[in-house]
Amino acid sequence: MHCGKHGEVVGHSRWRIVGEQSLGIYNLNIRNASLSDDGDYQCQVGPYGRIKAIRTKAKLTVLCKYKHIQLRRILISQAR
């Protein structure tokens, strides 16, 4: 994945890298996350000068509120 100048992620219009460069802290922000975004992610930073490449993994679990719940009446008869 490649990032643009303002944190946009090429090929993923809902994704954006946000953070504080002076602190070296960055996060992946996913706008309108859905169940299809659920899964394993990995952040990779290439080597720079004397600094070695860095990789770290994260698992995203998307929890959604139900928009509609329908309960149907079920009759169970017992043999007597």
PDB file of N, CA and C in Angstrom:
ATOM      1  N   MET A   1       0.846  -1.152   0.000  1.00  0.00           N
ATOM      2  CA  MET A   1       0.000   0.000   0.000  1.00  0.00           C
ATOM      3  C   MET A   1       0.895   1.218   0.000  1.00  0.00           C
ATOM      4  N   HIS A   2       0.549   2.173  -0.791  1.00  0.00           N
ATOM      5  CA  HIS A   2       1.319   3.408  -0.879  1.00  0.00           C
ATOM      6  C   HIS A   2       0.475   4.572  -0.391  1.00  0.00           C
ATOM      7  N   CYS A   3       1.117   5.478   0.327  1.00  0.00           N
ATOM      8  CA  CYS A   3       0.416   6.642   0.860  1.00  0.00           C
ATOM      9  C   CYS A   3       0.748   7.880   0.056  1.00  0.00           C
ATOM     10  N   GLY A   4      -0.268   8.713  -0.127  1.00  0.00           N
ATOM     11  CA  GLY A   4      -0.075   9.984  -0.798  1.00  0.00           C
ATOM     12  C   GLY A   4       0.453  11.033   0.166  1.00  0.00           C
ATOM     13  N   LYS A   5       0.599  12.223  -0.334  1.00  0.00           N
ATOM     14  CA  LYS A   5       1.162  13.330   0.434  1.00  0.00           C
ATOM     15  C   LYS A   5       0.334  13.693   1.667  1.00  0.00           C
ATOM     16  N   HIS A   6      -0.975  13.508   1.602  1.00  0.00           N
ATOM     17  CA  HIS A   6      -1.858  13.905   2.701  1.00  0.00           C
ATOM     18  C   HIS A   6      -2.462  12.714   3.437  1.00  0.00           C
ATOM     19  N   GLY A   7      -1.808  11.560   3.375  1.00  0.00           N
ATOM     20  CA  GLY A   7      -2.261  10.382   4.113  1.00  0.00           C
ATOM     21  C   GLY A   7      -3.222   9.485   3.380  1.00  0.00           C
ATOM     22  N   GLU A   8      -3.648   9.880   2.168  1.00  0.00           N
ATOM     23  CA  GLU A   8      -4.574   9.019   1.430  1.00  0.00           C
ATOM     24  C   GLU A   8      -3.841   7.728   1.035  1.00  0.00           C
ATOM     25  N   VAL A   9      -4.586   6.634   1.009  1.00  0.00           N
ATOM     26  CA  VAL A   9      -4.027   5.333   0.670  1.00  0.00           C
ATOM     27  C   VAL A   9      -4.450   4.994  -0.757  1.00  0.00           C
ATOM     28  N   VAL A  10      -3.483   4.845  -1.627  1.00  0.00           N
ATOM     29  CA  VAL A  10      -3.743   4.587  -3.048  1.00  0.00           C
ATOM     30  C   VAL A  10      -4.545   3.300  -3.200  1.00  0.00           C
ATOM     31  N   GLY A  11      -5.665   3.379  -3.914  1.00  0.00           N
ATOM     32  CA  GLY A  11      -6.501   2.211  -4.171  1.00  0.00           C
ATOM     33  C   GLY A  11      -7.563   1.960  -3.115  1.00  0.00           C
ATOM     34  N   HIS A  12      -7.577   2.758  -2.045  1.00  0.00           N
ATOM     35  CA  HIS A  12      -8.557   2.580  -0.967  1.00  0.00           C
ATOM     36  C   HIS A  12      -9.080   3.958  -0.556  1.00  0.00           C
ATOM     37  N   SER A  13     -10.142   4.406  -1.192  1.00  0.00           N
ATOM     38  CA  SER A  13     -10.637   5.769  -0.982  1.00  0.00           C
ATOM     39  C   SER A  13     -11.160   6.024   0.432  1.00  0.00           C
ATOM     40  N   ARG A  14     -11.563   4.977   1.155  1.00  0.00           N
ATOM     41  CA  ARG A  14     -12.078   5.155   2.521  1.00  0.00           C
ATOM     42  C   ARG A  14     -10.972   5.116   3.575  1.00  0.00           C
ATOM     43  N   TRP A  15      -9.753   4.752   3.181  1.00  0.00           N
ATOM     44  CA  TRP A  15      -8.644   4.619   4.118  1.00  0.00           C
ATOM     45  C   TRP A  15      -7.786   5.871   4.124  1.00  0.00           C
ATOM     46  N   ARG A  16      -7.226   6.183   5.286  1.00  0.00           N
ATOM     47  CA  ARG A  16      -6.331   7.330   5.412  1.00  0.00           C
ATOM     48  C   ARG A  16      -5.347   7.051   6.549  1.00  0.00           C
ATOM     49  N   ILE A  17      -4.105   7.409   6.358  1.00  0.00           N
ATOM     50  CA  ILE A  17      -3.098   7.303   7.410  1.00  0.00           C
ATOM     51  C   ILE A  17      -3.083   8.637   8.140  1.00  0.00           C
ATOM     52  N   VAL A  18      -3.310   8.593   9.448  1.00  0.00           N
ATOM     53  CA  VAL A  18      -3.303   9.804  10.262  1.00  0.00           C
ATOM     54  C   VAL A  18      -2.307   9.615  11.396  1.00  0.00           C
ATOM     55  N   GLY A  19      -1.704  10.698  11.832  1.00  0.00           N
ATOM     56  CA  GLY A  19      -0.762  10.565  12.933  1.00  0.00           C
ATOM     57  C   GLY A  19      -0.004  11.839  13.211  1.00  0.00           C
ATOM     58  N   GLU A  20       1.002  11.700  14.040  1.00  0.00           N
ATOM     59  CA  GLU A  20       1.840  12.814  14.459  1.00  0.00           C
ATOM     60  C   GLU A  20       3.287  12.497  14.124  1.00  0.00           C
ATOM     61  N   GLN A  21       3.768  13.104  13.036  1.00  0.00           N
ATOM     62  CA  GLN A  21       5.110  12.809  12.544  1.00  0.00           C
ATOM     63  C   GLN A  21       6.178  13.058  13.610  1.00  0.00           C
ATOM     64  N   SER A  22       6.045  14.117  14.385  1.00  0.00           N
ATOM     65  CA  SER A  22       7.061  14.439  15.391  1.00  0.00           C
ATOM     66  C   SER A  22       7.162  13.368  16.478  1.00  0.00           C
ATOM     67  N   LEU A  23       6.075  12.631  16.694  1.00  0.00           N
ATOM     68  CA  LEU A  23       6.074  11.553  17.690  1.00  0.00           C
ATOM     69  C   LEU A  23       6.305  10.186  17.061  1.00  0.00           C
ATOM     70  N   GLY A  24       6.243  10.117  15.724  1.00  0.00           N
ATOM     71  CA  GLY A  24       6.406   8.838  15.038  1.00  0.00           C
ATOM     72  C   GLY A  24       5.227   7.909  15.241  1.00  0.00           C
ATOM     73  N   ILE A  25       4.048   8.472  15.473  1.00  0.00           N
ATOM     74  CA  ILE A  25       2.841   7.678  15.710  1.00  0.00           C
ATOM     75  C   ILE A  25       1.895   7.848  14.525  1.00  0.00           C
ATOM     76  N   TYR A  26       1.479   6.728  13.954  1.00  0.00           N
ATOM     77  CA  TYR A  26       0.575   6.750  12.813  1.00  0.00           C
ATOM     78  C   TYR A  26      -0.505   5.700  13.006  1.00  0.00           C
ATOM     79  N   ASN A  27      -1.695   5.983  12.491  1.00  0.00           N
ATOM     80  CA  ASN A  27      -2.830   5.072  12.588  1.00  0.00           C
ATOM     81  C   ASN A  27      -3.538   4.978  11.249  1.00  0.00           C
ATOM     82  N   LEU A  28      -4.173   3.843  11.029  1.00  0.00           N
ATOM     83  CA  LEU A  28      -5.004   3.648   9.848  1.00  0.00           C
ATOM     84  C   LEU A  28      -6.429   4.006  10.228  1.00  0.00           C
ATOM     85  N   ASN A  29      -7.018   4.962   9.524  1.00  0.00           N
ATOM     86  CA  ASN A  29      -8.389   5.379   9.742  1.00  0.00           C
ATOM     87  C   ASN A  29      -9.216   4.852   8.577  1.00  0.00           C
ATOM     88  N   ILE A  30     -10.255   4.065   8.878  1.00  0.00           N
ATOM     89  CA  ILE A  30     -11.140   3.535   7.840  1.00  0.00           C
ATOM     90  C   ILE A  30     -12.500   4.190   8.012  1.00  0.00           C
ATOM     91  N   ARG A  31     -12.884   5.010   7.041  1.00  0.00           N
ATOM     92  CA  ARG A  31     -14.172   5.709   7.074  1.00  0.00           C
ATOM     93  C   ARG A  31     -15.280   4.736   6.656  1.00  0.00           C
ATOM     94  N   ASN A  32     -16.402   4.772   7.363  1.00  0.00           N
ATOM     95  CA  ASN A  32     -17.547   3.900   7.076  1.00  0.00           C
ATOM     96  C   ASN A  32     -17.139   2.426   7.052  1.00  0.00           C
ATOM     97  N   ALA A  33     -16.438   1.996   8.085  1.00  0.00           N
ATOM     98  CA  ALA A  33     -15.994   0.602   8.167  1.00  0.00           C
ATOM     99  C   ALA A  33     -17.194  -0.335   8.075  1.00  0.00           C
ATOM    100  N   SER A  34     -16.991  -1.466   7.423  1.00  0.00           N
ATOM    101  CA  SER A  34     -18.059  -2.462   7.286  1.00  0.00           C
ATOM    102  C   SER A  34     -17.481  -3.836   7.593  1.00  0.00           C
ATOM    103  N   LEU A  35     -18.339  -4.827   7.622  1.00  0.00           N
ATOM    104  CA  LEU A  35     -17.886  -6.183   7.928  1.00  0.00           C
ATOM    105  C   LEU A  35     -16.825  -6.668   6.942  1.00  0.00           C
ATOM    106  N   SER A  36     -16.827  -6.150   5.725  1.00  0.00           N
ATOM    107  CA  SER A  36     -15.826  -6.576   4.738  1.00  0.00           C
ATOM    108  C   SER A  36     -14.436  -6.063   5.083  1.00  0.00           C
ATOM    109  N   ASP A  37     -14.323  -5.087   5.983  1.00  0.00           N
ATOM    110  CA  ASP A  37     -13.017  -4.577   6.419  1.00  0.00           C
ATOM    111  C   ASP A  37     -12.413  -5.429   7.529  1.00  0.00           C
ATOM    112  N   ASP A  38     -13.217  -6.306   8.097  1.00  0.00           N
ATOM    113  CA  ASP A  38     -12.776  -7.185   9.178  1.00  0.00           C
ATOM    114  C   ASP A  38     -11.621  -8.056   8.696  1.00  0.00           C
ATOM    115  N   GLY A  39     -10.540  -8.139   9.465  1.00  0.00           N
ATOM    116  CA  GLY A  39      -9.441  -9.021   9.074  1.00  0.00           C
ATOM    117  C   GLY A  39      -8.102  -8.593   9.639  1.00  0.00           C
ATOM    118  N   ASP A  40      -7.052  -9.203   9.129  1.00  0.00           N
ATOM    119  CA  ASP A  40      -5.688  -8.940   9.576  1.00  0.00           C
ATOM    120  C   ASP A  40      -5.058  -7.846   8.725  1.00  0.00           C
ATOM    121  N   TYR A  41      -4.338  -6.948   9.385  1.00  0.00           N
ATOM    122  CA  TYR A  41      -3.648  -5.853   8.716  1.00  0.00           C
ATOM    123  C   TYR A  41      -2.190  -5.859   9.166  1.00  0.00           C
ATOM    124  N   GLN A  42      -1.341  -5.253   8.372  1.00  0.00           N
ATOM    125  CA  GLN A  42       0.064  -5.148   8.740  1.00  0.00           C
ATOM    126  C   GLN A  42       0.585  -3.785   8.303  1.00  0.00           C
ATOM    127  N   CYS A  43       1.294  -3.122   9.212  1.00  0.00           N
ATOM    128  CA  CYS A  43       1.937  -1.858   8.903  1.00  0.00           C
ATOM    129  C   CYS A  43       3.408  -2.143   8.605  1.00  0.00           C
ATOM    130  N   GLN A  44       3.884  -1.623   7.494  1.00  0.00           N
ATOM    131  CA  GLN A  44       5.285  -1.821   7.106  1.00  0.00           C
ATOM    132  C   GLN A  44       5.914  -0.469   6.799  1.00  0.00           C
ATOM    133  N   VAL A  45       7.070  -0.249   7.377  1.00  0.00           N
ATOM    134  CA  VAL A  45       7.838   0.957   7.100  1.00  0.00           C
ATOM    135  C   VAL A  45       9.191   0.515   6.588  1.00  0.00           C
ATOM    136  N   GLY A  46       9.563   0.988   5.399  1.00  0.00           N
ATOM    137  CA  GLY A  46      10.824   0.590   4.799  1.00  0.00           C
ATOM    138  C   GLY A  46      12.019   1.169   5.540  1.00  0.00           C
ATOM    139  N   PRO A  47      13.188   0.604   5.327  1.00  0.00           N
ATOM    140  CA  PRO A  47      14.390   1.123   5.989  1.00  0.00           C
ATOM    141  C   PRO A  47      14.703   2.543   5.515  1.00  0.00           C
ATOM    142  N   TYR A  48      15.292   3.322   6.415  1.00  0.00           N
ATOM    143  CA  TYR A  48      15.661   4.700   6.100  1.00  0.00           C
ATOM    144  C   TYR A  48      16.984   5.002   6.798  1.00  0.00           C
ATOM    145  N   GLY A  49      18.013   5.201   6.002  1.00  0.00           N
ATOM    146  CA  GLY A  49      19.336   5.445   6.587  1.00  0.00           C
ATOM    147  C   GLY A  49      19.778   4.256   7.425  1.00  0.00           C
ATOM    148  N   ARG A  50      20.058   4.502   8.687  1.00  0.00           N
ATOM    149  CA  ARG A  50      20.490   3.426   9.603  1.00  0.00           C
ATOM    150  C   ARG A  50      19.328   2.737  10.303  1.00  0.00           C
ATOM    151  N   ILE A  51      18.130   3.216  10.063  1.00  0.00           N
ATOM    152  CA  ILE A  51      16.945   2.637  10.706  1.00  0.00           C
ATOM    153  C   ILE A  51      16.466   1.439   9.891  1.00  0.00           C
ATOM    154  N   LYS A  52      16.318   0.303  10.577  1.00  0.00           N
ATOM    155  CA  LYS A  52      15.866  -0.918   9.909  1.00  0.00           C
ATOM    156  C   LYS A  52      14.370  -0.853   9.609  1.00  0.00           C
ATOM    157  N   ALA A  53      13.940  -1.707   8.688  1.00  0.00           N
ATOM    158  CA  ALA A  53      12.518  -1.813   8.350  1.00  0.00           C
ATOM    159  C   ALA A  53      11.733  -2.255   9.587  1.00  0.00           C
ATOM    160  N   ILE A  54      10.504  -1.779   9.684  1.00  0.00           N
ATOM    161  CA  ILE A  54       9.631  -2.098  10.813  1.00  0.00           C
ATOM    162  C   ILE A  54       8.350  -2.718  10.265  1.00  0.00           C
ATOM    163  N   ARG A  55       7.877  -3.766  10.947  1.00  0.00           N
ATOM    164  CA  ARG A  55       6.600  -4.394  10.605  1.00  0.00           C
ATOM    165  C   ARG A  55       5.860  -4.698  11.893  1.00  0.00           C
ATOM    166  N   THR A  56       4.575  -4.436  11.873  1.00  0.00           N
ATOM    167  CA  THR A  56       3.741  -4.796  13.010  1.00  0.00           C
ATOM    168  C   THR A  56       2.369  -5.222  12.495  1.00  0.00           C
ATOM    169  N   LYS A  57       1.752  -6.156  13.201  1.00  0.00           N
ATOM    170  CA  LYS A  57       0.463  -6.703  12.767  1.00  0.00           C
ATOM    171  C   LYS A  57      -0.647  -6.231  13.684  1.00  0.00           C
ATOM    172  N   ALA A  58      -1.856  -6.189  13.129  1.00  0.00           N
ATOM    173  CA  ALA A  58      -3.052  -5.851  13.906  1.00  0.00           C
ATOM    174  C   ALA A  58      -4.234  -6.621  13.338  1.00  0.00           C
ATOM    175  N   LYS A  59      -5.181  -6.950  14.202  1.00  0.00           N
ATOM    176  CA  LYS A  59      -6.403  -7.619  13.767  1.00  0.00           C
ATOM    177  C   LYS A  59      -7.557  -6.658  14.013  1.00  0.00           C
ATOM    178  N   LEU A  60      -8.346  -6.434  12.984  1.00  0.00           N
ATOM    179  CA  LEU A  60      -9.510  -5.556  13.081  1.00  0.00           C
ATOM    180  C   LEU A  60     -10.771  -6.408  13.129  1.00  0.00           C
ATOM    181  N   THR A  61     -11.569  -6.186  14.166  1.00  0.00           N
ATOM    182  CA  THR A  61     -12.862  -6.842  14.282  1.00  0.00           C
ATOM    183  C   THR A  61     -13.925  -5.757  14.209  1.00  0.00           C
ATOM    184  N   VAL A  62     -14.768  -5.829  13.212  1.00  0.00           N
ATOM    185  CA  VAL A  62     -15.817  -4.820  13.007  1.00  0.00           C
ATOM    186  C   VAL A  62     -17.101  -5.315  13.661  1.00  0.00           C
ATOM    187  N   LEU A  63     -17.640  -4.506  14.548  1.00  0.00           N
ATOM    188  CA  LEU A  63     -18.906  -4.809  15.204  1.00  0.00           C
ATOM    189  C   LEU A  63     -19.939  -3.841  14.675  1.00  0.00           C
ATOM    190  N   CYS A  64     -21.074  -4.363  14.228  1.00  0.00           N
ATOM    191  CA  CYS A  64     -22.121  -3.509  13.659  1.00  0.00           C
ATOM    192  C   CYS A  64     -23.391  -3.622  14.480  1.00  0.00           C
ATOM    193  N   LYS A  65     -24.089  -2.514  14.597  1.00  0.00           N
ATOM    194  CA  LYS A  65     -25.409  -2.534  15.219  1.00  0.00           C
ATOM    195  C   LYS A  65     -26.400  -3.076  14.207  1.00  0.00           C
ATOM    196  N   TYR A  66     -27.383  -3.790  14.712  1.00  0.00           N
ATOM    197  CA  TYR A  66     -28.438  -4.278  13.833  1.00  0.00           C
ATOM    198  C   TYR A  66     -29.319  -3.106  13.422  1.00  0.00           C
ATOM    199  N   LYS A  67     -29.664  -3.039  12.169  1.00  0.00           N
ATOM    200  CA  LYS A  67     -30.574  -2.007  11.689  1.00  0.00           C
ATOM    201  C   LYS A  67     -32.016  -2.485  11.778  1.00  0.00           C
ATOM    202  N   HIS A  68     -32.185  -3.799  11.716  1.00  0.00           N
ATOM    203  CA  HIS A  68     -33.538  -4.349  11.734  1.00  0.00           C
ATOM    204  C   HIS A  68     -33.476  -5.759  12.303  1.00  0.00           C
ATOM    205  N   ILE A  69     -34.315  -6.031  13.273  1.00  0.00           N
ATOM    206  CA  ILE A  69     -34.420  -7.381  13.835  1.00  0.00           C
ATOM    207  C   ILE A  69     -35.866  -7.810  13.706  1.00  0.00           C
ATOM    208  N   GLN A  70     -36.064  -9.005  13.186  1.00  0.00           N
ATOM    209  CA  GLN A  70     -37.422  -9.522  13.046  1.00  0.00           C
ATOM    210  C   GLN A  70     -37.500 -10.848  13.781  1.00  0.00           C
ATOM    211  N   LEU A  71     -38.424 -10.918  14.722  1.00  0.00           N
ATOM    212  CA  LEU A  71     -38.664 -12.159  15.444  1.00  0.00           C
ATOM    213  C   LEU A  71     -39.962 -12.746  14.922  1.00  0.00           C
ATOM    214  N   ARG A  72     -39.931 -14.009  14.595  1.00  0.00           N
ATOM    215  CA  ARG A  72     -41.129 -14.671  14.090  1.00  0.00           C
ATOM    216  C   ARG A  72     -41.643 -15.630  15.141  1.00  0.00           C
ATOM    217  N   ARG A  73     -42.942 -15.730  15.202  1.00  0.00           N
ATOM    218  CA  ARG A  73     -43.562 -16.634  16.171  1.00  0.00           C
ATOM    219  C   ARG A  73     -43.395 -18.066  15.681  1.00  0.00           C
ATOM    220  N   ILE A  74     -42.815 -18.871  16.533  1.00  0.00           N
ATOM    221  CA  ILE A  74     -42.596 -20.281  16.188  1.00  0.00           C
ATOM    222  C   ILE A  74     -43.391 -21.134  17.179  1.00  0.00           C
ATOM    223  N   LEU A  75     -44.262 -21.969  16.651  1.00  0.00           N
ATOM    224  CA  LEU A  75     -45.055 -22.869  17.490  1.00  0.00           C
ATOM    225  C   LEU A  75     -44.401 -24.240  17.507  1.00  0.00           C
ATOM    226  N   ILE A  76     -44.192 -24.732  18.696  1.00  0.00           N
ATOM    227  CA  ILE A  76     -43.615 -26.064  18.853  1.00  0.00           C
ATOM    228  C   ILE A  76     -44.644 -26.918  19.576  1.00  0.00           C
ATOM    229  N   SER A  77     -45.086 -27.968  18.926  1.00  0.00           N
ATOM    230  CA  SER A  77     -46.060 -28.846  19.583  1.00  0.00           C
ATOM    231  C   SER A  77     -45.329 -30.084  20.092  1.00  0.00           C
ATOM    232  N   GLN A  78     -45.751 -30.520  21.257  1.00  0.00           N
ATOM    233  CA  GLN A  78     -45.130 -31.711  21.843  1.00  0.00           C
ATOM    234  C   GLN A  78     -46.092 -32.897  21.686  1.00  0.00           C
ATOM    235  N   ALA A  79     -45.539 -34.019  21.324  1.00  0.00           N
ATOM    236  CA  ALA A  79     -46.371 -35.230  21.203  1.00  0.00           C
ATOM    237  C   ALA A  79     -46.746 -35.668  22.610  1.00  0.00           C
ATOM    238  N   ARG A  80     -48.031 -36.022  22.775  1.00  0.00           N
ATOM    239  CA  ARG A  80     -48.478 -36.457  24.108  1.00  0.00           C
ATOM    240  C   ARG A  80     -48.931 -37.865  24.082  1.00  0.00           C
TER     241      ARG A  80
END
